[in-house]
Amino acid sequence: MKILPKLVFKYGWDERDDVETPMKGCRNDGIVLCEDGKTYSVYFIDPIRLQQDLEEEEELGSPFLAPPGLIVLPELTRSAMENAIEQLWKQGHFDVFKPLSEEKEQKIGEAA
């Protein structure tokens, strides 16, 4: 059985993030660390922030929003994000993702 991946954040996570992340409605520095050493970038966003960002992009002349690794959740709590990664992993979602480059993987591995 495969070991579940670990969700980390490039800029860390502390008690302040427990409060601020749900209020901001997005977190673009998620990294999924897999047992085979591969890493994947993920971008979490809630529906309200998604709509706001899309409207802003439309005003700027880009009628779309397509950040790599986008995961939409009703609310951005650490546990909700970890649960999403676990469920997506079990569904094979990351099998079609392109991992981050080896250079980036080494830097992330050293920081974790």
N, C-alpha and C. Protein backbone atom coordinates (compact mmCIF):
# COMPACT_ATOMS: atom_id res chain seq x y z
N MET A 1 0.84 -1.20 0.00
CA MET A 1 0.00 0.00 0.00
C MET A 1 0.88 1.26 0.00
N LYS A 2 0.51 2.18 -0.82
CA LYS A 2 1.28 3.41 -0.90
C LYS A 2 1.06 4.28 0.34
N ILE A 3 2.12 4.95 0.73
CA ILE A 3 2.02 5.89 1.85
C ILE A 3 1.42 7.19 1.33
N LEU A 4 0.49 7.75 2.08
CA LEU A 4 -0.15 9.00 1.67
C LEU A 4 0.87 10.13 1.61
N PRO A 5 0.69 11.05 0.67
CA PRO A 5 1.60 12.18 0.57
C PRO A 5 1.40 13.16 1.73
N LYS A 6 2.38 14.01 1.91
CA LYS A 6 2.34 15.03 2.96
C LYS A 6 2.12 16.39 2.31
N LEU A 7 1.24 17.18 2.90
CA LEU A 7 1.01 18.55 2.42
C LEU A 7 1.84 19.50 3.27
N VAL A 8 2.68 20.28 2.61
CA VAL A 8 3.46 21.32 3.28
C VAL A 8 3.22 22.62 2.54
N PHE A 9 3.68 23.69 3.14
CA PHE A 9 3.51 25.00 2.52
C PHE A 9 4.87 25.68 2.41
N LYS A 10 5.13 26.19 1.23
CA LYS A 10 6.42 26.82 0.93
C LYS A 10 6.78 27.89 1.97
N TYR A 11 5.78 28.63 2.42
CA TYR A 11 6.03 29.70 3.38
C TYR A 11 5.67 29.30 4.80
N GLY A 12 5.51 27.99 5.04
CA GLY A 12 5.21 27.49 6.37
C GLY A 12 3.74 27.65 6.73
N TRP A 13 3.41 27.20 7.95
CA TRP A 13 2.05 27.28 8.48
C TRP A 13 2.17 27.42 9.98
N ASP A 14 1.50 28.42 10.54
CA ASP A 14 1.51 28.60 11.99
C ASP A 14 0.11 28.95 12.47
N GLU A 15 -0.03 29.28 13.73
CA GLU A 15 -1.35 29.58 14.30
C GLU A 15 -2.02 30.75 13.58
N ARG A 16 -1.23 31.70 13.15
CA ARG A 16 -1.77 32.86 12.43
C ARG A 16 -2.45 32.42 11.13
N ASP A 17 -1.84 31.42 10.46
CA ASP A 17 -2.42 30.91 9.22
C ASP A 17 -3.75 30.21 9.47
N ASP A 18 -3.93 29.62 10.66
CA ASP A 18 -5.21 29.00 11.00
C ASP A 18 -6.35 30.00 10.92
N VAL A 19 -6.05 31.26 11.24
CA VAL A 19 -7.07 32.32 11.22
C VAL A 19 -7.11 33.02 9.86
N GLU A 20 -5.94 33.38 9.34
CA GLU A 20 -5.89 34.21 8.13
C GLU A 20 -6.23 33.48 6.83
N THR A 21 -5.85 32.22 6.72
CA THR A 21 -6.08 31.50 5.46
C THR A 21 -7.56 31.40 5.13
N PRO A 22 -8.43 30.98 6.07
CA PRO A 22 -9.86 30.96 5.73
C PRO A 22 -10.42 32.34 5.37
N MET A 23 -9.89 33.39 6.01
CA MET A 23 -10.37 34.74 5.71
C MET A 23 -9.92 35.19 4.32
N LYS A 24 -8.69 34.87 3.94
CA LYS A 24 -8.17 35.26 2.62
C LYS A 24 -8.84 34.46 1.50
N GLY A 25 -9.14 33.20 1.79
CA GLY A 25 -9.82 32.37 0.80
C GLY A 25 -8.92 31.78 -0.26
N CYS A 26 -7.59 31.89 -0.09
CA CYS A 26 -6.70 31.24 -1.05
C CYS A 26 -5.35 30.96 -0.40
N ARG A 27 -4.71 29.97 -0.95
CA ARG A 27 -3.36 29.62 -0.50
C ARG A 27 -2.65 29.02 -1.70
N ASN A 28 -1.67 29.73 -2.24
CA ASN A 28 -1.04 29.32 -3.50
C ASN A 28 0.33 28.68 -3.33
N ASP A 29 0.71 28.37 -2.09
CA ASP A 29 2.05 27.83 -1.86
C ASP A 29 2.06 26.38 -1.37
N GLY A 30 0.99 25.65 -1.66
CA GLY A 30 0.93 24.26 -1.23
C GLY A 30 1.84 23.36 -2.05
N ILE A 31 2.50 22.43 -1.36
CA ILE A 31 3.37 21.46 -2.00
C ILE A 31 2.99 20.08 -1.48
N VAL A 32 2.75 19.16 -2.39
CA VAL A 32 2.45 17.78 -2.02
C VAL A 32 3.75 16.99 -2.15
N LEU A 33 4.19 16.41 -1.02
CA LEU A 33 5.42 15.61 -0.99
C LEU A 33 5.03 14.14 -1.01
N CYS A 34 5.52 13.41 -2.00
CA CYS A 34 5.19 11.99 -2.14
C CYS A 34 6.35 11.12 -1.67
N GLU A 35 6.03 9.87 -1.32
CA GLU A 35 7.05 8.96 -0.80
C GLU A 35 8.13 8.67 -1.83
N ASP A 36 7.82 8.76 -3.13
CA ASP A 36 8.81 8.49 -4.17
C ASP A 36 9.71 9.70 -4.45
N GLY A 37 9.52 10.77 -3.68
CA GLY A 37 10.35 11.96 -3.83
C GLY A 37 9.77 13.01 -4.76
N LYS A 38 8.72 12.68 -5.47
CA LYS A 38 8.11 13.66 -6.37
C LYS A 38 7.32 14.67 -5.55
N THR A 39 7.28 15.89 -6.07
CA THR A 39 6.54 16.97 -5.42
C THR A 39 5.63 17.63 -6.44
N TYR A 40 4.48 18.10 -5.94
CA TYR A 40 3.50 18.73 -6.81
C TYR A 40 3.03 20.02 -6.17
N SER A 41 2.89 21.03 -6.99
CA SER A 41 2.40 22.32 -6.54
C SER A 41 0.87 22.32 -6.57
N VAL A 42 0.25 22.81 -5.48
CA VAL A 42 -1.20 22.92 -5.43
C VAL A 42 -1.61 24.32 -4.99
N TYR A 43 -2.76 24.74 -5.46
CA TYR A 43 -3.30 26.07 -5.21
C TYR A 43 -4.71 25.90 -4.68
N PHE A 44 -4.93 26.25 -3.42
CA PHE A 44 -6.24 26.12 -2.79
C PHE A 44 -6.99 27.45 -2.85
N ILE A 45 -8.29 27.36 -3.10
CA ILE A 45 -9.11 28.57 -3.16
C ILE A 45 -10.54 28.21 -2.79
N ASP A 46 -11.26 29.16 -2.18
CA ASP A 46 -12.67 28.92 -1.88
C ASP A 46 -13.53 29.58 -2.97
N PRO A 47 -14.80 29.21 -3.07
CA PRO A 47 -15.65 29.71 -4.16
C PRO A 47 -15.79 31.24 -4.21
N ILE A 48 -15.83 31.87 -3.05
CA ILE A 48 -15.98 33.33 -3.04
C ILE A 48 -14.75 34.00 -3.62
N ARG A 49 -13.57 33.57 -3.17
CA ARG A 49 -12.33 34.15 -3.68
C ARG A 49 -12.15 33.82 -5.16
N LEU A 50 -12.55 32.62 -5.55
CA LEU A 50 -12.47 32.24 -6.96
C LEU A 50 -13.28 33.20 -7.82
N GLN A 51 -14.49 33.50 -7.39
CA GLN A 51 -15.34 34.42 -8.15
C GLN A 51 -14.71 35.82 -8.19
N GLN A 52 -14.19 36.29 -7.05
CA GLN A 52 -13.57 37.61 -7.00
C GLN A 52 -12.36 37.67 -7.95
N ASP A 53 -11.52 36.64 -7.91
CA ASP A 53 -10.34 36.62 -8.76
C ASP A 53 -10.71 36.55 -10.24
N LEU A 54 -11.73 35.78 -10.56
CA LEU A 54 -12.18 35.68 -11.95
C LEU A 54 -12.71 37.02 -12.44
N GLU A 55 -13.50 37.70 -11.62
CA GLU A 55 -14.02 39.02 -11.99
C GLU A 55 -12.88 40.00 -12.21
N GLU A 56 -11.87 39.94 -11.37
CA GLU A 56 -10.71 40.84 -11.52
C GLU A 56 -9.97 40.54 -12.83
N GLU A 57 -9.80 39.26 -13.15
CA GLU A 57 -9.14 38.89 -14.40
C GLU A 57 -9.94 39.37 -15.61
N GLU A 58 -11.26 39.25 -15.54
CA GLU A 58 -12.11 39.72 -16.63
C GLU A 58 -11.93 41.22 -16.84
N GLU A 59 -11.86 41.97 -15.75
CA GLU A 59 -11.65 43.42 -15.85
C GLU A 59 -10.32 43.75 -16.49
N LEU A 60 -9.35 42.87 -16.30
CA LEU A 60 -8.02 43.07 -16.88
C LEU A 60 -7.91 42.53 -18.30
N GLY A 61 -9.01 41.98 -18.83
CA GLY A 61 -9.02 41.50 -20.20
C GLY A 61 -8.74 40.02 -20.37
N SER A 62 -8.63 39.27 -19.28
CA SER A 62 -8.42 37.82 -19.35
C SER A 62 -9.63 37.12 -18.77
N PRO A 63 -10.54 36.65 -19.60
CA PRO A 63 -11.79 36.06 -19.10
C PRO A 63 -11.64 34.62 -18.62
N PHE A 64 -10.57 34.34 -17.91
CA PHE A 64 -10.37 33.00 -17.36
C PHE A 64 -9.42 33.06 -16.18
N LEU A 65 -9.39 31.95 -15.43
CA LEU A 65 -8.48 31.79 -14.30
C LEU A 65 -8.04 30.34 -14.31
N ALA A 66 -6.74 30.08 -14.42
CA ALA A 66 -6.28 28.70 -14.55
C ALA A 66 -4.94 28.47 -13.86
N PRO A 67 -4.87 28.69 -12.54
CA PRO A 67 -3.61 28.39 -11.87
C PRO A 67 -3.35 26.89 -11.85
N PRO A 68 -2.11 26.47 -12.03
CA PRO A 68 -1.80 25.04 -11.99
C PRO A 68 -2.13 24.45 -10.62
N GLY A 69 -2.66 23.25 -10.62
CA GLY A 69 -2.94 22.55 -9.37
C GLY A 69 -4.10 23.12 -8.58
N LEU A 70 -5.04 23.78 -9.25
CA LEU A 70 -6.17 24.42 -8.56
C LEU A 70 -7.06 23.40 -7.87
N ILE A 71 -7.34 23.64 -6.59
CA ILE A 71 -8.26 22.82 -5.80
C ILE A 71 -9.23 23.77 -5.10
N VAL A 72 -10.52 23.64 -5.41
CA VAL A 72 -11.54 24.51 -4.83
C VAL A 72 -12.18 23.78 -3.64
N LEU A 73 -12.19 24.46 -2.50
CA LEU A 73 -12.78 23.92 -1.27
C LEU A 73 -13.79 24.91 -0.70
N PRO A 74 -14.84 24.42 -0.02
CA PRO A 74 -15.82 25.33 0.57
C PRO A 74 -15.20 26.27 1.60
N GLU A 75 -14.22 25.78 2.35
CA GLU A 75 -13.53 26.60 3.35
C GLU A 75 -12.09 26.13 3.45
N LEU A 76 -11.16 27.07 3.57
CA LEU A 76 -9.75 26.72 3.60
C LEU A 76 -9.22 26.57 5.02
N THR A 77 -9.41 25.40 5.56
CA THR A 77 -8.78 25.04 6.83
C THR A 77 -7.67 24.05 6.52
N ARG A 78 -6.72 23.95 7.41
CA ARG A 78 -5.61 23.01 7.19
C ARG A 78 -6.15 21.58 7.04
N SER A 79 -7.07 21.20 7.91
CA SER A 79 -7.60 19.84 7.84
C SER A 79 -8.37 19.59 6.54
N ALA A 80 -9.11 20.58 6.06
CA ALA A 80 -9.84 20.42 4.80
C ALA A 80 -8.87 20.25 3.63
N MET A 81 -7.78 21.01 3.64
CA MET A 81 -6.79 20.90 2.57
C MET A 81 -6.09 19.55 2.62
N GLU A 82 -5.73 19.09 3.82
CA GLU A 82 -5.08 17.79 3.96
C GLU A 82 -6.02 16.67 3.53
N ASN A 83 -7.28 16.77 3.90
CA ASN A 83 -8.26 15.77 3.50
C ASN A 83 -8.43 15.74 1.98
N ALA A 84 -8.45 16.90 1.36
CA ALA A 84 -8.58 16.97 -0.10
C ALA A 84 -7.40 16.27 -0.77
N ILE A 85 -6.20 16.52 -0.28
CA ILE A 85 -5.00 15.89 -0.85
C ILE A 85 -5.10 14.37 -0.69
N GLU A 86 -5.51 13.91 0.48
CA GLU A 86 -5.64 12.47 0.73
C GLU A 86 -6.64 11.84 -0.24
N GLN A 87 -7.81 12.47 -0.38
CA GLN A 87 -8.83 11.92 -1.27
C GLN A 87 -8.39 11.95 -2.74
N LEU A 88 -7.78 13.04 -3.15
CA LEU A 88 -7.29 13.15 -4.53
C LEU A 88 -6.21 12.10 -4.80
N TRP A 89 -5.34 11.87 -3.82
CA TRP A 89 -4.28 10.88 -3.95
C TRP A 89 -4.89 9.48 -4.15
N LYS A 90 -5.87 9.16 -3.32
CA LYS A 90 -6.52 7.85 -3.42
C LYS A 90 -7.24 7.67 -4.76
N GLN A 91 -7.70 8.76 -5.34
CA GLN A 91 -8.39 8.71 -6.63
C GLN A 91 -7.42 8.69 -7.82
N GLY A 92 -6.13 8.82 -7.56
CA GLY A 92 -5.13 8.82 -8.63
C GLY A 92 -4.99 10.15 -9.33
N HIS A 93 -5.49 11.20 -8.71
CA HIS A 93 -5.47 12.54 -9.32
C HIS A 93 -4.06 13.00 -9.69
N PHE A 94 -3.08 12.71 -8.85
CA PHE A 94 -1.72 13.19 -9.09
C PHE A 94 -0.99 12.38 -10.15
N ASP A 95 -1.58 11.27 -10.58
CA ASP A 95 -0.96 10.46 -11.64
C ASP A 95 -0.84 11.23 -12.95
N VAL A 96 -1.71 12.21 -13.15
CA VAL A 96 -1.68 12.98 -14.40
C VAL A 96 -0.99 14.34 -14.23
N PHE A 97 -0.57 14.66 -13.03
CA PHE A 97 0.14 15.92 -12.78
C PHE A 97 1.60 15.78 -13.19
N LYS A 98 2.18 16.86 -13.58
CA LYS A 98 3.61 16.91 -13.84
C LYS A 98 4.30 17.35 -12.54
N PRO A 99 5.23 16.54 -12.03
CA PRO A 99 5.91 16.94 -10.79
C PRO A 99 6.77 18.18 -11.02
N LEU A 100 7.08 18.85 -9.91
CA LEU A 100 8.00 19.98 -9.98
C LEU A 100 9.35 19.47 -10.45
N SER A 101 10.20 20.36 -10.95
CA SER A 101 11.51 19.96 -11.44
C SER A 101 12.36 19.40 -10.30
N GLU A 102 13.35 18.62 -10.65
CA GLU A 102 14.22 18.01 -9.65
C GLU A 102 14.91 19.06 -8.80
N GLU A 103 15.31 20.17 -9.41
CA GLU A 103 15.97 21.24 -8.67
C GLU A 103 15.05 21.78 -7.58
N LYS A 104 13.79 22.03 -7.93
CA LYS A 104 12.82 22.51 -6.96
C LYS A 104 12.54 21.45 -5.91
N GLU A 105 12.48 20.18 -6.33
CA GLU A 105 12.22 19.09 -5.40
C GLU A 105 13.33 19.02 -4.34
N GLN A 106 14.57 19.20 -4.74
CA GLN A 106 15.68 19.16 -3.80
C GLN A 106 15.56 20.28 -2.78
N LYS A 107 15.25 21.48 -3.20
CA LYS A 107 15.11 22.61 -2.30
C LYS A 107 13.97 22.39 -1.32
N ILE A 108 12.85 21.83 -1.81
CA ILE A 108 11.70 21.59 -0.95
C ILE A 108 12.03 20.49 0.04
N GLY A 109 12.68 19.42 -0.42
CA GLY A 109 13.06 18.32 0.44
C GLY A 109 14.00 18.76 1.56
N GLU A 110 14.90 19.69 1.25
CA GLU A 110 15.81 20.21 2.25
C GLU A 110 15.09 21.07 3.28
N ALA A 111 14.03 21.75 2.84
CA ALA A 111 13.29 22.64 3.74
C ALA A 111 12.31 21.90 4.63
N ALA A 112 11.87 20.70 4.21
CA ALA A 112 10.84 19.97 4.96
C ALA A 112 11.35 19.28 6.19
